[in-house]
Amino acid sequence: MSRILRKVVTLGIAFSIGGALAGCSLLPKEEEALKPPLVKPKQENYKTVAADKGSIIKSINGSGVFESEETSSAQFSGQGGRIDKILVKSGDKVKKGDLLAQLIVDGLDIQLKEQQLALEKAKYAFRNARDSDEQAFKIAGLQVEVEQLKYDRLDKQFNSKQLISEIDGQVVFAETLVEGDFVEPYQTLVTIADPSNMRLALRADSGDSIKDVQVGLPVEVTYKGEKITGTVTQTPSSAPETTNQRLTEKYARTLYIDLPSIPKEAKIGSIADVKIVTEQRDDVVKIPRSGLRSYLGRNFVRVLEDDQKLREVDVEPGLVGSTEVEIVQGLKEGQLVVLQ
């Protein structure tokens, strides 16, 4: 009996295992993982330019201002005072001898008139004394001299309180003052310029930027589309010596340019475009300035080879223009230079 039971159990276990294995065969097989697609690395694009041969120039470009070659600064000398009135404003035209400004005279004008009267009386008495004795005539003559000295002294004092134009011209500056304002001795109150004699002034940020400019260099001037060739007539190194600090500072960073003829529409203060070529070299290898790289004193360029590989090449730069630079050594015409 026990033998029969053992056979039954053994058969049951066998059927169970077989069923399990059969069930496993009914499950779907797992899909194989997809391999990543092969992608070519993206080719990097470089902005390049071929080194070429040609001319390169170094120039100074800026805006020149028309100004008069002859100016006059009106200022009280000797002593200052309180202003009575300024009779002109910027833009006014004046003649030589015109009154520009006056200090408060404190009755000096009346004193001058009174002294003028005293002088005339002395002269009248002198003429009438001609028929008198010699002593009376001599006294009358001395009285005229005394009154004349008094008048001259008062007249000089009165004139020192007036500013008179020394030239014909146009007022280009007039100090803004009101009655009673105090002015210092030698303070410029009015500046007059002669508009019939003009030149161009090109002011630089510093003297170093125009140190290569020499007197006599030609200048390309453009005013309202009209092109004129002028000439540099004064540089910081050729400027006249002056004790005027303001002029010294002005001359130190200003170029003056003469023109063969002044455009009809040009006035004092008008602006013209100016170009001065200070150096030029022809038939040289050149590249854009953005192609030249510098690091710790080393100058080099990046050259793109035929196989699209980059190679750094040490170079010797030469003349540097506004947009291009000369390459003296290290680069040949036609090589592709990578720009920054």
Protein backbone atom coordinates (compact mmCIF):
# COMPACT_ATOMS: atom_id res chain seq x y z
CA MET A 1 0.00 0.00 0.00
CA SER A 2 2.74 2.31 0.86
CA ARG A 3 4.52 1.42 -2.37
CA ILE A 4 1.46 2.45 -4.40
CA LEU A 5 1.24 5.76 -2.48
CA ARG A 6 4.85 6.59 -3.20
CA LYS A 7 4.27 6.06 -6.96
CA VAL A 8 1.25 8.35 -6.91
CA VAL A 9 3.19 11.12 -5.13
CA THR A 10 6.10 10.77 -7.52
CA LEU A 11 3.83 11.04 -10.55
CA GLY A 12 2.09 14.12 -9.07
CA ILE A 13 5.37 15.92 -8.57
CA ALA A 14 6.47 15.11 -12.10
CA PHE A 15 3.21 16.46 -13.56
CA SER A 16 3.55 19.67 -11.50
CA ILE A 17 7.08 20.33 -12.71
CA GLY A 18 6.12 19.63 -16.31
CA GLY A 19 3.17 22.00 -16.10
CA ALA A 20 5.31 24.75 -14.69
CA LEU A 21 7.84 24.35 -17.45
CA ALA A 22 5.10 24.35 -20.06
CA GLY A 23 3.69 27.56 -18.56
CA CYS A 24 7.06 29.26 -18.80
CA SER A 25 7.26 28.49 -22.48
CA LEU A 26 4.02 30.42 -23.03
CA LEU A 27 5.48 33.77 -21.72
CA PRO A 28 6.65 36.29 -24.40
CA LYS A 29 10.40 36.65 -24.92
CA GLU A 30 12.06 39.93 -23.84
CA GLU A 31 13.01 42.30 -26.71
CA GLU A 32 16.71 42.98 -27.22
CA ALA A 33 17.90 46.52 -26.29
CA LEU A 34 18.32 48.85 -29.32
CA LYS A 35 21.83 50.00 -30.02
CA PRO A 36 22.37 53.83 -30.17
CA PRO A 37 22.54 55.22 -33.71
CA LEU A 38 25.95 56.23 -35.04
CA VAL A 39 26.09 60.08 -35.34
CA LYS A 40 28.96 61.89 -36.95
CA PRO A 41 30.41 64.66 -34.71
CA LYS A 42 29.22 68.09 -35.81
CA GLN A 43 31.87 69.93 -37.76
CA GLU A 44 32.73 73.26 -36.07
CA ASN A 45 32.31 76.36 -38.21
CA TYR A 46 35.03 78.99 -38.06
CA LYS A 47 34.86 82.53 -39.32
CA THR A 48 37.96 82.83 -41.46
CA VAL A 49 39.60 85.24 -43.86
CA ALA A 50 42.47 84.69 -46.25
CA ALA A 51 45.60 86.72 -45.65
CA ASP A 52 46.07 88.97 -48.65
CA LYS A 53 48.55 91.45 -50.03
CA GLY A 54 47.84 95.11 -50.52
CA SER A 55 48.20 98.56 -49.03
CA ILE A 56 47.66 99.45 -45.40
CA ILE A 57 47.40 102.92 -43.92
CA LYS A 58 47.57 104.37 -40.46
CA SER A 59 45.36 107.41 -40.19
CA ILE A 60 43.79 109.80 -37.74
CA ASN A 61 40.09 110.39 -38.23
CA GLY A 62 37.96 112.89 -36.38
CA SER A 63 35.79 115.98 -36.49
CA GLY A 64 37.42 119.34 -36.97
CA VAL A 65 35.85 122.61 -35.88
CA PHE A 66 36.14 125.82 -37.88
CA GLU A 67 37.58 128.58 -35.74
CA SER A 68 39.15 131.96 -36.34
CA GLU A 69 42.90 132.34 -36.60
CA GLU A 70 42.61 135.74 -34.93
CA THR A 71 40.84 136.04 -31.60
CA SER A 72 40.81 138.69 -28.91
CA SER A 73 40.06 138.06 -25.24
CA ALA A 74 38.61 141.05 -23.41
CA GLN A 75 39.50 141.20 -19.72
CA PHE A 76 40.04 143.84 -17.06
CA SER A 77 43.71 144.22 -16.19
CA GLY A 78 45.28 145.61 -13.05
CA GLN A 79 42.23 145.34 -10.86
CA GLY A 80 38.79 143.78 -10.89
CA GLY A 81 35.53 145.25 -9.72
CA ARG A 82 31.78 144.88 -9.75
CA ILE A 83 30.10 144.58 -13.09
CA ASP A 84 27.73 147.29 -14.25
CA LYS A 85 26.72 145.77 -17.59
CA ILE A 86 27.81 143.50 -20.42
CA LEU A 87 26.65 145.00 -23.68
CA VAL A 88 27.15 142.04 -26.04
CA LYS A 89 26.16 138.38 -26.29
CA SER A 90 27.51 135.39 -28.19
CA GLY A 91 26.92 135.75 -31.93
CA ASP A 92 26.93 139.58 -31.96
CA LYS A 93 29.11 141.34 -34.52
CA VAL A 94 31.29 144.15 -33.22
CA LYS A 95 33.67 146.77 -34.56
CA LYS A 96 37.04 147.76 -33.22
CA GLY A 97 36.50 150.33 -30.46
CA ASP A 98 33.00 149.16 -29.50
CA LEU A 99 32.19 149.04 -25.77
CA LEU A 100 31.78 145.43 -24.61
CA ALA A 101 31.36 145.68 -20.83
CA GLN A 102 31.69 148.17 -18.00
CA LEU A 103 32.36 148.06 -14.27
CA ILE A 104 30.51 150.20 -11.75
CA VAL A 105 32.29 153.57 -11.86
CA ASP A 106 30.97 155.03 -8.57
CA GLY A 107 30.60 158.58 -9.93
CA LEU A 108 33.90 158.51 -11.77
CA ASP A 109 32.16 159.58 -14.97
CA ILE A 110 30.94 162.77 -13.25
CA GLN A 111 34.41 163.47 -11.87
CA LEU A 112 35.85 163.08 -15.35
CA LYS A 113 33.37 165.57 -16.80
CA GLU A 114 34.08 168.03 -14.00
CA GLN A 115 37.80 167.72 -14.62
CA GLN A 116 37.26 168.21 -18.33
CA LEU A 117 35.46 171.46 -17.48
CA ALA A 118 38.33 172.56 -15.22
CA LEU A 119 40.81 171.85 -18.02
CA GLU A 120 38.83 173.91 -20.54
CA LYS A 121 38.66 176.81 -18.08
CA ALA A 122 42.43 176.64 -17.58
CA LYS A 123 43.00 176.69 -21.33
CA TYR A 124 40.67 179.67 -21.70
CA ALA A 125 42.52 181.55 -18.96
CA PHE A 126 45.84 180.70 -20.60
CA ARG A 127 44.72 182.20 -23.92
CA ASN A 128 43.54 185.38 -22.21
CA ALA A 129 46.83 185.66 -20.28
CA ARG A 130 48.86 186.17 -23.44
CA ASP A 131 48.33 189.90 -23.18
CA SER A 132 49.19 189.92 -19.45
CA ASP A 133 52.61 190.15 -17.90
CA GLU A 134 55.06 187.29 -18.30
CA GLN A 135 54.55 185.90 -14.79
CA ALA A 136 50.75 185.72 -15.13
CA PHE A 137 51.16 183.99 -18.51
CA LYS A 138 53.54 181.43 -17.02
CA ILE A 139 51.19 180.69 -14.11
CA ALA A 140 48.28 180.22 -16.51
CA GLY A 141 50.38 177.77 -18.55
CA LEU A 142 51.31 175.75 -15.47
CA GLN A 143 47.65 175.62 -14.47
CA VAL A 144 46.79 174.08 -17.83
CA GLU A 145 49.46 171.42 -17.30
CA VAL A 146 48.12 170.60 -13.82
CA GLU A 147 44.53 170.28 -15.03
CA GLN A 148 45.65 168.19 -17.99
CA LEU A 149 47.49 165.76 -15.68
CA LYS A 150 44.42 165.47 -13.45
CA TYR A 151 42.22 164.83 -16.47
CA ASP A 152 44.56 162.20 -17.94
CA ARG A 153 44.70 160.37 -14.63
CA LEU A 154 40.91 160.31 -14.25
CA ASP A 155 40.46 159.34 -17.91
CA LYS A 156 42.82 156.40 -17.50
CA GLN A 157 41.02 155.33 -14.35
CA PHE A 158 37.66 155.59 -16.09
CA ASN A 159 38.85 153.66 -19.17
CA SER A 160 40.19 150.88 -16.94
CA LYS A 161 36.58 150.17 -16.01
CA GLN A 162 35.54 149.69 -19.63
CA LEU A 163 36.22 146.81 -22.00
CA ILE A 164 36.72 147.90 -25.59
CA SER A 165 36.88 145.60 -28.62
CA GLU A 166 40.36 145.51 -30.13
CA ILE A 167 39.28 143.96 -33.46
CA ASP A 168 36.38 143.71 -35.87
CA GLY A 169 34.67 140.35 -35.54
CA GLN A 170 32.05 138.16 -33.95
CA VAL A 171 31.48 137.48 -30.27
CA VAL A 172 32.07 133.76 -29.69
CA PHE A 173 31.93 133.91 -25.90
CA ALA A 174 30.32 136.27 -23.38
CA GLU A 175 30.36 135.57 -19.66
CA THR A 176 26.93 135.37 -18.04
CA LEU A 177 26.92 138.06 -15.36
CA VAL A 178 24.41 140.34 -13.71
CA GLU A 179 24.85 143.80 -12.26
CA GLY A 180 26.86 143.72 -9.07
CA ASP A 181 28.74 140.48 -9.79
CA PHE A 182 32.44 140.70 -8.93
CA VAL A 183 34.99 139.98 -11.65
CA GLU A 184 38.63 139.16 -11.08
CA PRO A 185 41.54 140.86 -12.83
CA TYR A 186 42.39 139.10 -16.12
CA GLN A 187 39.14 137.12 -16.08
CA THR A 188 38.03 136.69 -19.71
CA LEU A 189 34.57 138.20 -20.06
CA VAL A 190 34.25 138.38 -23.85
CA THR A 191 36.04 136.61 -26.70
CA ILE A 192 35.89 138.00 -30.22
CA ALA A 193 36.92 136.12 -33.37
CA ASP A 194 37.50 137.32 -36.91
CA PRO A 195 35.22 135.17 -39.13
CA SER A 196 36.99 136.24 -42.32
CA ASN A 197 40.13 134.31 -41.39
CA MET A 198 39.27 130.73 -40.37
CA ARG A 199 41.07 127.40 -40.02
CA LEU A 200 40.18 123.90 -38.79
CA ALA A 201 41.05 122.70 -35.31
CA LEU A 202 41.14 118.95 -34.61
CA ARG A 203 41.18 118.24 -30.88
CA ALA A 204 42.36 114.84 -29.64
CA ASP A 205 41.68 113.13 -26.33
CA SER A 206 45.41 113.20 -25.62
CA GLY A 207 48.61 114.44 -27.21
CA ASP A 208 49.91 110.87 -27.60
CA SER A 209 47.25 110.01 -30.16
CA ILE A 210 48.49 112.74 -32.55
CA LYS A 211 52.23 112.64 -31.83
CA ASP A 212 52.98 111.09 -35.26
CA VAL A 213 51.47 114.02 -37.16
CA GLN A 214 53.98 116.39 -38.73
CA VAL A 215 53.56 119.92 -40.06
CA GLY A 216 52.96 119.85 -43.81
CA LEU A 217 51.03 116.56 -43.98
CA PRO A 218 48.06 116.66 -46.38
CA VAL A 219 44.61 116.43 -44.85
CA GLU A 220 41.41 115.14 -46.43
CA VAL A 221 38.56 117.39 -45.29
CA THR A 222 34.90 116.71 -46.04
CA TYR A 223 32.30 119.39 -45.35
CA LYS A 224 28.69 118.74 -46.40
CA GLY A 225 29.85 116.37 -49.15
CA GLU A 226 32.51 118.76 -50.45
CA LYS A 227 36.06 117.37 -50.33
CA ILE A 228 38.98 119.74 -49.81
CA THR A 229 42.67 118.97 -49.36
CA GLY A 230 44.16 120.96 -46.51
CA THR A 231 47.55 121.07 -44.79
CA VAL A 232 48.61 120.59 -41.17
CA THR A 233 50.10 123.91 -40.06
CA GLN A 234 50.50 123.41 -36.29
CA THR A 235 51.02 120.37 -34.06
CA PRO A 236 51.63 120.12 -30.29
CA SER A 237 55.38 119.98 -30.93
CA SER A 238 55.35 123.08 -33.16
CA ALA A 239 52.95 125.18 -31.06
CA PRO A 240 54.19 128.63 -30.02
CA GLU A 241 55.28 129.13 -26.44
CA THR A 242 52.81 130.96 -24.23
CA THR A 243 52.40 131.80 -20.57
CA ASN A 244 48.64 131.36 -20.91
CA GLN A 245 47.90 128.03 -19.18
CA ARG A 246 44.60 127.61 -21.02
CA LEU A 247 46.30 127.97 -24.40
CA THR A 248 49.13 125.65 -23.37
CA GLU A 249 46.65 122.89 -22.52
CA LYS A 250 44.75 123.51 -25.75
CA TYR A 251 47.84 123.42 -27.97
CA ALA A 252 49.02 120.18 -26.30
CA ARG A 253 46.20 118.16 -27.92
CA THR A 254 45.16 120.17 -30.98
CA LEU A 255 46.09 120.05 -34.65
CA TYR A 256 45.50 123.12 -36.81
CA ILE A 257 44.69 122.74 -40.50
CA ASP A 258 44.72 125.42 -43.19
CA LEU A 259 42.48 125.14 -46.25
CA PRO A 260 43.09 126.74 -49.66
CA SER A 261 39.52 128.02 -49.56
CA ILE A 262 36.82 128.01 -46.90
CA PRO A 263 33.43 126.52 -47.91
CA LYS A 264 30.85 129.26 -48.37
CA GLU A 265 28.45 127.84 -45.79
CA ALA A 266 31.13 127.24 -43.16
CA LYS A 267 30.95 129.45 -40.09
CA ILE A 268 32.78 129.63 -36.79
CA GLY A 269 31.78 126.45 -34.96
CA SER A 270 30.90 124.45 -38.10
CA ILE A 271 32.14 120.84 -38.11
CA ALA A 272 33.94 118.94 -40.89
CA ASP A 273 35.21 115.36 -41.17
CA VAL A 274 39.00 115.11 -41.10
CA LYS A 275 41.32 112.29 -42.20
CA ILE A 276 45.11 112.50 -41.89
CA VAL A 277 47.22 109.62 -43.25
CA THR A 278 50.32 109.41 -41.06
CA GLU A 279 51.87 106.27 -42.60
CA GLN A 280 51.24 103.99 -45.57
CA ARG A 281 52.83 100.72 -46.72
CA ASP A 282 52.15 98.95 -50.02
CA ASP A 283 52.34 95.30 -51.15
CA VAL A 284 52.34 93.86 -47.63
CA VAL A 285 50.63 90.79 -46.12
CA LYS A 286 47.71 91.96 -44.00
CA ILE A 287 44.78 90.55 -42.05
CA PRO A 288 41.87 92.03 -40.09
CA ARG A 289 42.87 93.18 -36.62
CA SER A 290 40.46 90.66 -35.11
CA GLY A 291 42.63 87.86 -36.50
CA LEU A 292 45.70 88.82 -34.46
CA ARG A 293 45.86 87.39 -30.95
CA SER A 294 48.17 88.36 -28.12
CA TYR A 295 48.91 86.67 -24.84
CA LEU A 296 51.68 87.50 -22.38
CA GLY A 297 53.66 89.33 -25.02
CA ARG A 298 53.21 86.61 -27.64
CA ASN A 299 51.60 87.53 -30.96
CA PHE A 300 50.02 84.71 -32.92
CA VAL A 301 47.23 83.73 -35.30
CA ARG A 302 45.15 80.58 -35.65
CA VAL A 303 45.42 79.08 -39.11
CA LEU A 304 42.85 76.63 -40.49
CA GLU A 305 44.61 73.84 -42.40
CA ASP A 306 43.23 71.84 -45.35
CA ASP A 307 42.22 69.00 -43.03
CA GLN A 308 40.12 71.41 -40.95
CA LYS A 309 42.64 71.36 -38.15
CA LEU A 310 43.69 74.49 -36.29
CA ARG A 311 47.31 75.46 -35.90
CA GLU A 312 48.70 78.38 -33.89
CA VAL A 313 51.37 80.35 -35.73
CA ASP A 314 53.60 82.96 -34.12
CA VAL A 315 53.73 86.16 -36.17
CA GLU A 316 55.42 89.54 -36.16
CA PRO A 317 52.92 92.39 -36.61
CA GLY A 318 53.90 95.60 -38.35
CA LEU A 319 51.85 98.68 -39.16
CA VAL A 320 48.50 98.74 -37.42
CA GLY A 321 45.67 100.48 -39.24
CA SER A 322 42.15 101.24 -38.09
CA THR A 323 40.78 97.84 -39.25
CA GLU A 324 43.80 95.89 -40.53
CA VAL A 325 47.26 94.93 -39.36
CA GLU A 326 50.40 94.18 -41.34
CA ILE A 327 52.05 90.77 -40.75
CA VAL A 328 55.79 91.09 -41.31
CA GLN A 329 56.71 87.46 -40.60
CA GLY A 330 54.99 84.14 -39.92
CA LEU A 331 52.12 84.25 -42.39
CA LYS A 332 51.82 83.85 -46.14
CA GLU A 333 49.31 85.24 -48.58
CA GLY A 334 46.29 82.97 -48.93
CA GLN A 335 46.48 81.23 -45.56
CA LEU A 336 43.13 81.06 -43.79
CA VAL A 337 43.16 82.95 -40.50
CA VAL A 338 40.47 82.33 -37.89
CA LEU A 339 38.91 85.54 -36.62
CA GLN A 340 38.03 86.11 -33.00
